[in-house]
C-alpha atoms as a PDB file:
ATOM      1  CA  MET A   1       0.000   0.000   0.000  1.00  0.00           C
ATOM      2  CA  THR A   2       1.299   3.448  -0.929  1.00  0.00           C
ATOM      3  CA  ALA A   3       2.032   5.688   2.049  1.00  0.00           C
ATOM      4  CA  ILE A   4      -0.121   8.790   2.501  1.00  0.00           C
ATOM      5  CA  VAL A   5       2.008  11.938   2.770  1.00  0.00           C
ATOM      6  CA  PHE A   6      -0.511  14.788   3.078  1.00  0.00           C
ATOM      7  CA  ARG A   7      -4.302  14.687   3.343  1.00  0.00           C
ATOM      8  CA  ASP A   8      -5.229  11.832   0.979  1.00  0.00           C
ATOM      9  CA  TYR A   9      -2.197  12.208  -1.320  1.00  0.00           C
ATOM     10  CA  ASP A  10       0.713   9.830  -1.635  1.00  0.00           C
ATOM     11  CA  GLN A  11       4.058  11.336  -2.640  1.00  0.00           C
ATOM     12  CA  ALA A  12       3.541  11.133  -6.381  1.00  0.00           C
ATOM     13  CA  ALA A  13       0.028  12.566  -6.182  1.00  0.00           C
ATOM     14  CA  LEU A  14       1.102  15.436  -3.932  1.00  0.00           C
ATOM     15  CA  ASP A  15       3.983  16.266  -6.245  1.00  0.00           C
ATOM     16  CA  ARG A  16       1.614  16.383  -9.208  1.00  0.00           C
ATOM     17  CA  GLN A  17      -0.609  18.877  -7.391  1.00  0.00           C
ATOM     18  CA  TYR A  18       2.259  21.369  -7.153  1.00  0.00           C
ATOM     19  CA  ASN A  19       4.015  20.625 -10.447  1.00  0.00           C
ATOM     20  CA  ASN A  20       2.549  23.480 -12.455  1.00  0.00           C
ATOM     21  CA  ARG A  21       4.776  22.974 -15.471  1.00  0.00           C
ATOM     22  CA  GLY A  22       3.708  19.352 -15.588  1.00  0.00           C
ATOM     23  CA  ARG A  23       0.047  20.406 -15.635  1.00  0.00           C
ATOM     24  CA  VAL A  24       0.534  23.000 -18.397  1.00  0.00           C
ATOM     25  CA  PRO A  25       2.614  21.528 -21.251  1.00  0.00           C
ATOM     26  CA  GLU A  26       2.918  24.922 -22.955  1.00  0.00           C
ATOM     27  CA  ALA A  27       4.256  26.592 -19.788  1.00  0.00           C
ATOM     28  CA  GLN A  28       7.517  27.660 -21.440  1.00  0.00           C
ATOM     29  CA  ALA A  29       5.626  29.583 -24.108  1.00  0.00           C
ATOM     30  CA  PHE A  30       3.912  31.586 -21.373  1.00  0.00           C
ATOM     31  CA  LEU A  31       7.231  32.262 -19.632  1.00  0.00           C
ATOM     32  CA  ASP A  32       8.644  33.463 -22.952  1.00  0.00           C
ATOM     33  CA  ARG A  33       5.650  35.766 -23.329  1.00  0.00           C
ATOM     34  CA  TYR A  34       6.313  37.215 -19.862  1.00  0.00           C
ATOM     35  CA  VAL A  35       9.804  38.172 -21.027  1.00  0.00           C
ATOM     36  CA  ALA A  36       8.680  39.660 -24.347  1.00  0.00           C
ATOM     37  CA  ASP A  37       5.734  41.593 -22.929  1.00  0.00           C
ATOM     38  CA  SER A  38       7.886  42.887 -20.081  1.00  0.00           C
ATOM     39  CA  ALA A  39      10.558  44.188 -22.438  1.00  0.00           C
ATOM     40  CA  THR A  40       7.843  46.070 -24.314  1.00  0.00           C
ATOM     41  CA  ALA A  41       6.464  47.483 -21.062  1.00  0.00           C
ATOM     42  CA  ARG A  42       9.857  48.827 -20.012  1.00  0.00           C
ATOM     43  CA  ARG A  43      10.401  50.517 -23.366  1.00  0.00           C
ATOM     44  CA  ALA A  44       7.013  52.206 -23.393  1.00  0.00           C
ATOM     45  CA  ALA A  45       6.693  53.299 -19.801  1.00  0.00           C
ATOM     46  CA  ASN A  46       7.841  56.204 -17.694  1.00  0.00           C
ATOM     47  CA  VAL A  47       9.992  53.884 -15.608  1.00  0.00           C
ATOM     48  CA  ARG A  48      12.707  54.045 -12.957  1.00  0.00           C
ATOM     49  CA  LEU A  49      14.652  50.785 -13.021  1.00  0.00           C
ATOM     50  CA  ASP A  50      16.633  49.125 -10.231  1.00  0.00           C
ATOM     51  CA  VAL A  51      15.710  51.504  -7.435  1.00  0.00           C
ATOM     52  CA  ALA A  52      17.421  50.271  -4.260  1.00  0.00           C
ATOM     53  CA  TYR A  53      15.263  49.538  -1.223  1.00  0.00           C
ATOM     54  CA  GLY A  54      18.075  47.880   0.733  1.00  0.00           C
ATOM     55  CA  GLN A  55      21.795  47.216   0.765  1.00  0.00           C
ATOM     56  CA  SER A  56      22.031  43.863  -1.039  1.00  0.00           C
ATOM     57  CA  PRO A  57      22.142  43.687  -4.861  1.00  0.00           C
ATOM     58  CA  THR A  58      18.850  41.794  -4.915  1.00  0.00           C
ATOM     59  CA  GLU A  59      16.955  44.477  -2.980  1.00  0.00           C
ATOM     60  CA  ARG A  60      15.844  46.396  -6.039  1.00  0.00           C
ATOM     61  CA  LEU A  61      12.520  47.414  -7.542  1.00  0.00           C
ATOM     62  CA  ASP A  62      11.244  49.010 -10.730  1.00  0.00           C
ATOM     63  CA  LEU A  63       8.800  51.913 -10.617  1.00  0.00           C
ATOM     64  CA  PHE A  64       6.326  52.538 -13.428  1.00  0.00           C
ATOM     65  CA  LEU A  65       4.988  56.075 -13.146  1.00  0.00           C
ATOM     66  CA  PRO A  66       1.839  57.592 -14.635  1.00  0.00           C
ATOM     67  CA  GLU A  67       2.294  60.135 -17.397  1.00  0.00           C
ATOM     68  CA  ARG A  68      -0.449  62.302 -15.915  1.00  0.00           C
ATOM     69  CA  ARG A  69      -1.835  62.550 -12.432  1.00  0.00           C
ATOM     70  CA  SER A  70      -3.680  65.011 -10.255  1.00  0.00           C
ATOM     71  CA  GLY A  71      -2.166  64.842  -6.805  1.00  0.00           C
ATOM     72  CA  PRO A  72      -0.291  61.965  -5.169  1.00  0.00           C
ATOM     73  CA  ALA A  73      -0.843  58.651  -6.947  1.00  0.00           C
ATOM     74  CA  PRO A  74      -1.977  55.383  -5.346  1.00  0.00           C
ATOM     75  CA  VAL A  75       0.627  52.625  -5.389  1.00  0.00           C
ATOM     76  CA  GLN A  76       0.402  48.982  -6.467  1.00  0.00           C
ATOM     77  CA  ILE A  77       3.334  46.785  -5.354  1.00  0.00           C
ATOM     78  CA  PHE A  78       3.728  43.483  -7.213  1.00  0.00           C
ATOM     79  CA  PHE A  79       5.672  40.427  -6.021  1.00  0.00           C
ATOM     80  CA  HIS A  80       6.578  37.800  -8.612  1.00  0.00           C
ATOM     81  CA  GLY A  81       6.242  34.033  -8.466  1.00  0.00           C
ATOM     82  CA  GLY A  82       8.676  31.236  -9.226  1.00  0.00           C
ATOM     83  CA  TYR A  83       8.321  29.064  -6.101  1.00  0.00           C
ATOM     84  CA  TRP A  84      10.668  31.437  -4.215  1.00  0.00           C
ATOM     85  CA  LYS A  85      13.620  30.034  -6.176  1.00  0.00           C
ATOM     86  CA  SER A  86      13.396  31.358  -9.720  1.00  0.00           C
ATOM     87  CA  LEU A  87      12.369  34.290 -11.926  1.00  0.00           C
ATOM     88  CA  GLY A  88      12.614  37.982 -11.066  1.00  0.00           C
ATOM     89  CA  LYS A  89      11.092  41.395 -11.549  1.00  0.00           C
ATOM     90  CA  SER A  90      12.305  41.715 -15.145  1.00  0.00           C
ATOM     91  CA  GLU A  91       9.950  38.915 -16.246  1.00  0.00           C
ATOM     92  CA  PHE A  92       6.923  40.672 -14.739  1.00  0.00           C
ATOM     93  CA  SER A  93       7.088  44.285 -15.920  1.00  0.00           C
ATOM     94  CA  PHE A  94       4.042  43.477 -18.049  1.00  0.00           C
ATOM     95  CA  VAL A  95       1.743  43.821 -15.021  1.00  0.00           C
ATOM     96  CA  ALA A  96       2.558  47.524 -14.620  1.00  0.00           C
ATOM     97  CA  PRO A  97       1.282  49.499 -17.673  1.00  0.00           C
ATOM     98  CA  PRO A  98      -2.465  49.324 -16.912  1.00  0.00           C
ATOM     99  CA  PHE A  99      -1.901  50.752 -13.438  1.00  0.00           C
ATOM    100  CA  ALA A 100       0.230  53.603 -14.774  1.00  0.00           C
ATOM    101  CA  ALA A 101      -2.343  54.294 -17.486  1.00  0.00           C
ATOM    102  CA  ALA A 102      -5.009  54.557 -14.771  1.00  0.00           C
ATOM    103  CA  GLY A 103      -2.979  57.144 -12.845  1.00  0.00           C
ATOM    104  CA  ALA A 104      -1.292  54.845 -10.311  1.00  0.00           C
ATOM    105  CA  ILE A 105       2.326  53.956  -9.620  1.00  0.00           C
ATOM    106  CA  ALA A 106       3.274  50.295 -10.047  1.00  0.00           C
ATOM    107  CA  ALA A 107       6.313  48.931  -8.206  1.00  0.00           C
ATOM    108  CA  VAL A 108       7.634  45.526  -9.311  1.00  0.00           C
ATOM    109  CA  VAL A 109       9.890  44.065  -6.639  1.00  0.00           C
ATOM    110  CA  ASP A 110      12.936  41.801  -6.754  1.00  0.00           C
ATOM    111  CA  TYR A 111      13.977  39.742  -3.752  1.00  0.00           C
ATOM    112  CA  ALA A 112      16.761  37.257  -3.063  1.00  0.00           C
ATOM    113  CA  LEU A 113      15.932  33.707  -4.069  1.00  0.00           C
ATOM    114  CA  ILE A 114      16.334  30.456  -2.193  1.00  0.00           C
ATOM    115  CA  PRO A 115      18.943  28.949  -1.646  1.00  0.00           C
ATOM    116  CA  ALA A 116      20.924  32.218  -1.527  1.00  0.00           C
ATOM    117  CA  VAL A 117      18.673  33.101   1.436  1.00  0.00           C
ATOM    118  CA  ASP A 118      16.116  31.113   3.416  1.00  0.00           C
ATOM    119  CA  MET A 119      12.376  31.745   3.540  1.00  0.00           C
ATOM    120  CA  ASP A 120      12.625  33.897   6.661  1.00  0.00           C
ATOM    121  CA  ALA A 121      15.087  36.288   5.014  1.00  0.00           C
ATOM    122  CA  LEU A 122      13.138  36.354   1.752  1.00  0.00           C
ATOM    123  CA  VAL A 123       9.948  37.399   3.551  1.00  0.00           C
ATOM    124  CA  ARG A 124      11.878  39.989   5.560  1.00  0.00           C
ATOM    125  CA  GLN A 125      13.187  41.558   2.331  1.00  0.00           C
ATOM    126  CA  CYS A 126       9.694  41.872   0.894  1.00  0.00           C
ATOM    127  CA  ARG A 127       8.416  43.493   4.063  1.00  0.00           C
ATOM    128  CA  ALA A 128      11.364  45.889   3.911  1.00  0.00           C
ATOM    129  CA  ALA A 129      10.401  46.803   0.334  1.00  0.00           C
ATOM    130  CA  VAL A 130       6.923  47.837   1.463  1.00  0.00           C
ATOM    131  CA  ALA A 131       8.317  49.870   4.367  1.00  0.00           C
ATOM    132  CA  TRP A 132      10.838  51.579   2.079  1.00  0.00           C
ATOM    133  CA  LEU A 133       8.131  52.474  -0.410  1.00  0.00           C
ATOM    134  CA  HIS A 134       5.986  53.921   2.360  1.00  0.00           C
ATOM    135  CA  ASP A 135       8.867  56.154   3.405  1.00  0.00           C
ATOM    136  CA  HIS A 136      10.058  57.147  -0.093  1.00  0.00           C
ATOM    137  CA  ILE A 137       7.236  56.867  -2.623  1.00  0.00           C
ATOM    138  CA  GLY A 138       6.376  60.529  -2.076  1.00  0.00           C
ATOM    139  CA  GLU A 139       9.664  61.373  -3.813  1.00  0.00           C
ATOM    140  CA  PHE A 140       8.194  59.826  -6.973  1.00  0.00           C
ATOM    141  CA  GLY A 141       4.746  61.392  -6.679  1.00  0.00           C
ATOM    142  CA  GLY A 142       3.120  58.508  -4.822  1.00  0.00           C
ATOM    143  CA  ASP A 143       0.731  58.527  -1.889  1.00  0.00           C
ATOM    144  CA  PRO A 144       2.084  56.566   1.118  1.00  0.00           C
ATOM    145  CA  GLU A 145      -1.449  56.403   2.506  1.00  0.00           C
ATOM    146  CA  ARG A 146      -2.686  54.397  -0.505  1.00  0.00           C
ATOM    147  CA  ILE A 147      -0.388  51.387  -0.825  1.00  0.00           C
ATOM    148  CA  PHE A 148      -1.785  48.107  -2.176  1.00  0.00           C
ATOM    149  CA  VAL A 149      -0.037  44.806  -2.858  1.00  0.00           C
ATOM    150  CA  SER A 150      -0.429  41.973  -5.329  1.00  0.00           C
ATOM    151  CA  GLY A 151       1.438  38.829  -6.228  1.00  0.00           C
ATOM    152  CA  HIS A 152       1.302  35.591  -8.157  1.00  0.00           C
ATOM    153  CA  SER A 153       1.978  32.080  -6.817  1.00  0.00           C
ATOM    154  CA  ALA A 154       4.939  32.527  -4.432  1.00  0.00           C
ATOM    155  CA  GLY A 155       4.161  36.233  -4.722  1.00  0.00           C
ATOM    156  CA  GLY A 156       0.601  35.466  -3.642  1.00  0.00           C
ATOM    157  CA  HIS A 157       2.067  33.811  -0.555  1.00  0.00           C
ATOM    158  CA  LEU A 158       4.046  36.995   0.088  1.00  0.00           C
ATOM    159  CA  VAL A 159       0.839  39.037  -0.120  1.00  0.00           C
ATOM    160  CA  GLY A 160      -0.517  36.843   2.664  1.00  0.00           C
ATOM    161  CA  MET A 161       2.608  37.355   4.753  1.00  0.00           C
ATOM    162  CA  LEU A 162       2.470  41.131   4.257  1.00  0.00           C
ATOM    163  CA  ALA A 163      -1.104  41.105   5.544  1.00  0.00           C
ATOM    164  CA  ALA A 164       0.098  39.305   8.687  1.00  0.00           C
ATOM    165  CA  THR A 165       2.906  41.714   9.622  1.00  0.00           C
ATOM    166  CA  ASP A 166       3.420  43.819  12.739  1.00  0.00           C
ATOM    167  CA  TRP A 167       4.510  46.835  10.741  1.00  0.00           C
ATOM    168  CA  ARG A 168       4.916  49.289  13.580  1.00  0.00           C
ATOM    169  CA  ALA A 169       7.055  47.016  15.742  1.00  0.00           C
ATOM    170  CA  GLY A 170       9.093  45.526  12.926  1.00  0.00           C
ATOM    171  CA  PHE A 171       9.542  48.447  10.545  1.00  0.00           C
ATOM    172  CA  GLY A 172       8.351  51.632  12.207  1.00  0.00           C
ATOM    173  CA  VAL A 173       5.606  52.303   9.671  1.00  0.00           C
ATOM    174  CA  PRO A 174       1.841  52.528  10.290  1.00  0.00           C
ATOM    175  CA  ALA A 175       0.061  49.308  11.209  1.00  0.00           C
ATOM    176  CA  ASP A 176      -2.277  49.827   8.240  1.00  0.00           C
ATOM    177  CA  VAL A 177       0.457  50.621   5.717  1.00  0.00           C
ATOM    178  CA  VAL A 178      -1.057  48.041   3.333  1.00  0.00           C
ATOM    179  CA  LYS A 179      -4.596  49.042   2.398  1.00  0.00           C
ATOM    180  CA  GLY A 180      -5.508  45.934   0.408  1.00  0.00           C
ATOM    181  CA  GLY A 181      -4.092  43.000  -1.501  1.00  0.00           C
ATOM    182  CA  VAL A 182      -4.758  40.690  -4.429  1.00  0.00           C
ATOM    183  CA  SER A 183      -3.271  37.205  -4.381  1.00  0.00           C
ATOM    184  CA  LEU A 184      -3.274  35.221  -7.623  1.00  0.00           C
ATOM    185  CA  SER A 185      -2.790  31.463  -7.179  1.00  0.00           C
ATOM    186  CA  GLY A 186      -1.398  32.061  -3.715  1.00  0.00           C
ATOM    187  CA  LEU A 187       0.093  29.565  -1.267  1.00  0.00           C
ATOM    188  CA  PHE A 188      -0.920  30.004   2.350  1.00  0.00           C
ATOM    189  CA  ASP A 189      -0.162  26.642   3.983  1.00  0.00           C
ATOM    190  CA  LEU A 190       3.474  25.662   3.378  1.00  0.00           C
ATOM    191  CA  GLU A 191       3.282  22.208   4.960  1.00  0.00           C
ATOM    192  CA  PRO A 192       2.377  20.453   1.681  1.00  0.00           C
ATOM    193  CA  ILE A 193       5.154  22.427  -0.015  1.00  0.00           C
ATOM    194  CA  ARG A 194       7.593  21.143   2.617  1.00  0.00           C
ATOM    195  CA  LEU A 195       6.417  17.589   1.997  1.00  0.00           C
ATOM    196  CA  SER A 196       6.596  17.859  -1.802  1.00  0.00           C
ATOM    197  CA  PHE A 197       9.415  17.564  -4.324  1.00  0.00           C
ATOM    198  CA  LEU A 198       9.898  21.331  -4.074  1.00  0.00           C
ATOM    199  CA  ASN A 199      11.533  21.115  -0.671  1.00  0.00           C
ATOM    200  CA  ALA A 200      14.704  19.604  -2.099  1.00  0.00           C
ATOM    201  CA  ASP A 201      15.422  23.174  -3.253  1.00  0.00           C
ATOM    202  CA  LEU A 202      13.543  25.172  -0.619  1.00  0.00           C
ATOM    203  CA  GLY A 203      14.913  23.526   2.528  1.00  0.00           C
ATOM    204  CA  LEU A 204      11.870  24.295   4.664  1.00  0.00           C
ATOM    205  CA  THR A 205      11.911  22.895   8.188  1.00  0.00           C
ATOM    206  CA  PRO A 206       8.613  22.217   9.985  1.00  0.00           C
ATOM    207  CA  ASP A 207       9.045  25.343  12.123  1.00  0.00           C
ATOM    208  CA  MET A 208       9.985  27.519   9.144  1.00  0.00           C
ATOM    209  CA  ALA A 209       6.979  26.288   7.193  1.00  0.00           C
ATOM    210  CA  ARG A 210       4.656  27.079  10.101  1.00  0.00           C
ATOM    211  CA  ARG A 211       5.930  30.589  10.764  1.00  0.00           C
ATOM    212  CA  ASN A 212       5.751  31.427   7.060  1.00  0.00           C
ATOM    213  CA  SER A 213       2.237  30.070   6.489  1.00  0.00           C
ATOM    214  CA  PRO A 214      -0.255  32.966   6.375  1.00  0.00           C
ATOM    215  CA  ALA A 215      -3.113  30.549   7.086  1.00  0.00           C
ATOM    216  CA  LEU A 216      -1.545  29.862  10.499  1.00  0.00           C
ATOM    217  CA  LEU A 217      -0.800  33.478  11.434  1.00  0.00           C
ATOM    218  CA  PRO A 218      -3.037  36.176  12.931  1.00  0.00           C
ATOM    219  CA  PRO A 219      -4.062  38.439  10.051  1.00  0.00           C
ATOM    220  CA  SER A 220      -4.499  42.175  10.075  1.00  0.00           C
ATOM    221  CA  PRO A 221      -8.267  42.779  10.024  1.00  0.00           C
ATOM    222  CA  ALA A 222      -7.561  46.111   8.330  1.00  0.00           C
ATOM    223  CA  VAL A 223      -6.240  44.484   5.129  1.00  0.00           C
ATOM    224  CA  PRO A 224      -8.943  43.141   2.804  1.00  0.00           C
ATOM    225  CA  LEU A 225      -7.561  40.434   0.541  1.00  0.00           C
ATOM    226  CA  THR A 226      -8.873  39.170  -2.762  1.00  0.00           C
ATOM    227  CA  LEU A 227      -7.845  35.531  -3.222  1.00  0.00           C
ATOM    228  CA  ALA A 228      -8.111  34.613  -6.899  1.00  0.00           C
ATOM    229  CA  TYR A 229      -7.135  31.376  -8.594  1.00  0.00           C
ATOM    230  CA  GLY A 230      -7.607  29.807 -11.992  1.00  0.00           C
ATOM    231  CA  SER A 231     -10.420  27.319 -12.428  1.00  0.00           C
ATOM    232  CA  LEU A 232      -7.998  25.069 -14.349  1.00  0.00           C
ATOM    233  CA  GLU A 233      -5.441  24.920 -11.531  1.00  0.00           C
ATOM    234  CA  SER A 234      -4.960  21.890  -9.315  1.00  0.00           C
ATOM    235  CA  ALA A 235      -7.241  20.991  -6.424  1.00  0.00           C
ATOM    236  CA  GLU A 236      -4.522  21.981  -3.978  1.00  0.00           C
ATOM    237  CA  TYR A 237      -4.320  25.487  -5.432  1.00  0.00           C
ATOM    238  CA  HIS A 238      -8.081  25.786  -5.057  1.00  0.00           C
ATOM    239  CA  ARG A 239      -7.813  24.534  -1.465  1.00  0.00           C
ATOM    240  CA  GLN A 240      -5.010  26.938  -0.588  1.00  0.00           C
ATOM    241  CA  SER A 241      -7.069  30.031  -1.413  1.00  0.00           C
ATOM    242  CA  ALA A 242     -10.244  28.647   0.172  1.00  0.00           C
ATOM    243  CA  LEU A 243      -8.325  27.755   3.329  1.00  0.00           C
ATOM    244  CA  HIS A 244      -6.995  31.279   3.676  1.00  0.00           C
ATOM    245  CA  ALA A 245     -10.361  32.886   2.997  1.00  0.00           C
ATOM    246  CA  GLU A 246     -11.826  30.800   5.832  1.00  0.00           C
ATOM    247  CA  HIS A 247      -8.896  31.678   8.104  1.00  0.00           C
ATOM    248  CA  LEU A 248      -9.334  35.399   7.493  1.00  0.00           C
ATOM    249  CA  GLU A 249     -13.055  35.344   8.182  1.00  0.00           C
ATOM    250  CA  ARG A 250     -12.553  33.263  11.325  1.00  0.00           C
ATOM    251  CA  HIS A 251     -10.085  35.821  12.704  1.00  0.00           C
ATOM    252  CA  GLY A 252     -11.990  39.002  11.919  1.00  0.00           C
ATOM    253  CA  GLY A 253     -10.381  39.711   8.571  1.00  0.00           C
ATOM    254  CA  HIS A 254     -11.852  39.700   5.093  1.00  0.00           C
ATOM    255  CA  GLY A 255     -10.903  37.407   2.238  1.00  0.00           C
ATOM    256  CA  ALA A 256     -12.906  37.422  -0.996  1.00  0.00           C
ATOM    257  CA  LEU A 257     -12.506  34.103  -2.818  1.00  0.00           C
ATOM    258  CA  VAL A 258     -12.649  34.587  -6.602  1.00  0.00           C
ATOM    259  CA  PRO A 259     -12.242  31.703  -9.068  1.00  0.00           C
ATOM    260  CA  ILE A 260     -11.221  32.937 -12.511  1.00  0.00           C
ATOM    261  CA  ALA A 261     -12.845  30.911 -15.273  1.00  0.00           C
ATOM    262  CA  ASP A 262     -10.725  29.167 -17.915  1.00  0.00           C
ATOM    263  CA  ARG A 263      -7.396  30.220 -16.414  1.00  0.00           C
ATOM    264  CA  HIS A 264      -4.445  28.061 -15.396  1.00  0.00           C
ATOM    265  CA  HIS A 265      -1.358  28.843 -13.368  1.00  0.00           C
ATOM    266  CA  PHE A 266       0.565  30.605 -16.119  1.00  0.00           C
ATOM    267  CA  ASP A 267      -2.067  32.731 -17.828  1.00  0.00           C
ATOM    268  CA  ILE A 268      -3.923  34.100 -14.789  1.00  0.00           C
ATOM    269  CA  VAL A 269      -1.083  36.535 -14.061  1.00  0.00           C
ATOM    270  CA  LEU A 270      -1.137  37.834 -17.636  1.00  0.00           C
ATOM    271  CA  ASP A 271      -4.628  39.106 -16.883  1.00  0.00           C
ATOM    272  CA  LEU A 272      -3.225  41.485 -14.267  1.00  0.00           C
ATOM    273  CA  GLY A 273      -1.544  43.282 -17.151  1.00  0.00           C
ATOM    274  CA  ASP A 274      -4.758  43.453 -19.203  1.00  0.00           C
ATOM    275  CA  PRO A 275      -6.972  46.437 -18.308  1.00  0.00           C
ATOM    276  CA  ARG A 276     -10.019  44.659 -19.783  1.00  0.00           C
ATOM    277  CA  SER A 277      -9.696  41.590 -17.564  1.00  0.00           C
ATOM    278  CA  GLU A 278     -11.545  40.541 -14.437  1.00  0.00           C
ATOM    279  CA  VAL A 279      -8.238  40.179 -12.585  1.00  0.00           C
ATOM    280  CA  PHE A 280      -7.105  43.732 -13.275  1.00  0.00           C
ATOM    281  CA  GLY A 281     -10.581  44.915 -12.340  1.00  0.00           C
ATOM    282  CA  LEU A 282     -10.250  43.296  -8.908  1.00  0.00           C
ATOM    283  CA  ALA A 283      -7.047  45.192  -8.182  1.00  0.00           C
ATOM    284  CA  ALA A 284      -8.322  48.441  -9.689  1.00  0.00           C
ATOM    285  CA  ALA A 285     -11.505  48.283  -7.614  1.00  0.00           C
ATOM    286  CA  GLN A 286      -9.506  47.956  -4.399  1.00  0.00           C
ATOM    287  CA  MET A 287      -7.517  51.037  -5.378  1.00  0.00           C
ATOM    288  CA  GLY A 288     -10.517  53.076  -6.458  1.00  0.00           C
ATOM    289  CA  LEU A 289      -9.213  53.447 -10.013  1.00  0.00           C
END
């Protein structure tokens, strides 16, 4: 009899749940599109590249600024996916143009990848990026009182961690520095990740997985989260978002669960860069755009 590893999954079945490239044979074509669309976005936009938010070479972000605005602009901060171990901000510039066109600033953040750092340090960097933007976005015409966050896959996990942060104690910024968040295909319970094939690269211990699982942490009730996922994604991805929505509601927060029809793991994030899409509309509505 095959041993059960997590819930009702044996090892092979659990690994299949989190093997997104295995589920989407044309995944590489989507990754290539990220690169091409992002290069176009950087050429067309009013952009400030590689702005430092910390001392290490990986602590950099790109700012996409609106051509026209009346008063300080709201800010959308995006955190990329790649299972915390691959990809970077340069592949995800494509999410920014619709926000800039709507009069907002979009910040696309880089962070150090595992195994160069562990999960604790990676999360700390992303929190530091938000705190830095709060303190400095006014220099670029942004409104520090209207900061929103979004992310895809591992970046969706980071959105959850940002909404479970003691900002005042840890970073000296207001407790409500983040006004809202959109997670696309987010991961909120890292225990199945730890038990899957992914952990050969990630090196999560049981304690590290627990303290970096948003679904196990007290959330900030002040941060409404939209938890979106593609209808074509695996059952575990559906469960992850549903689990966190339940956790938020149980602890006085608010999590809106939104399945996106006919989307899989690699095309749902493209919708964030499409001003006509439901996904962009979710983020724009939070921001009042």
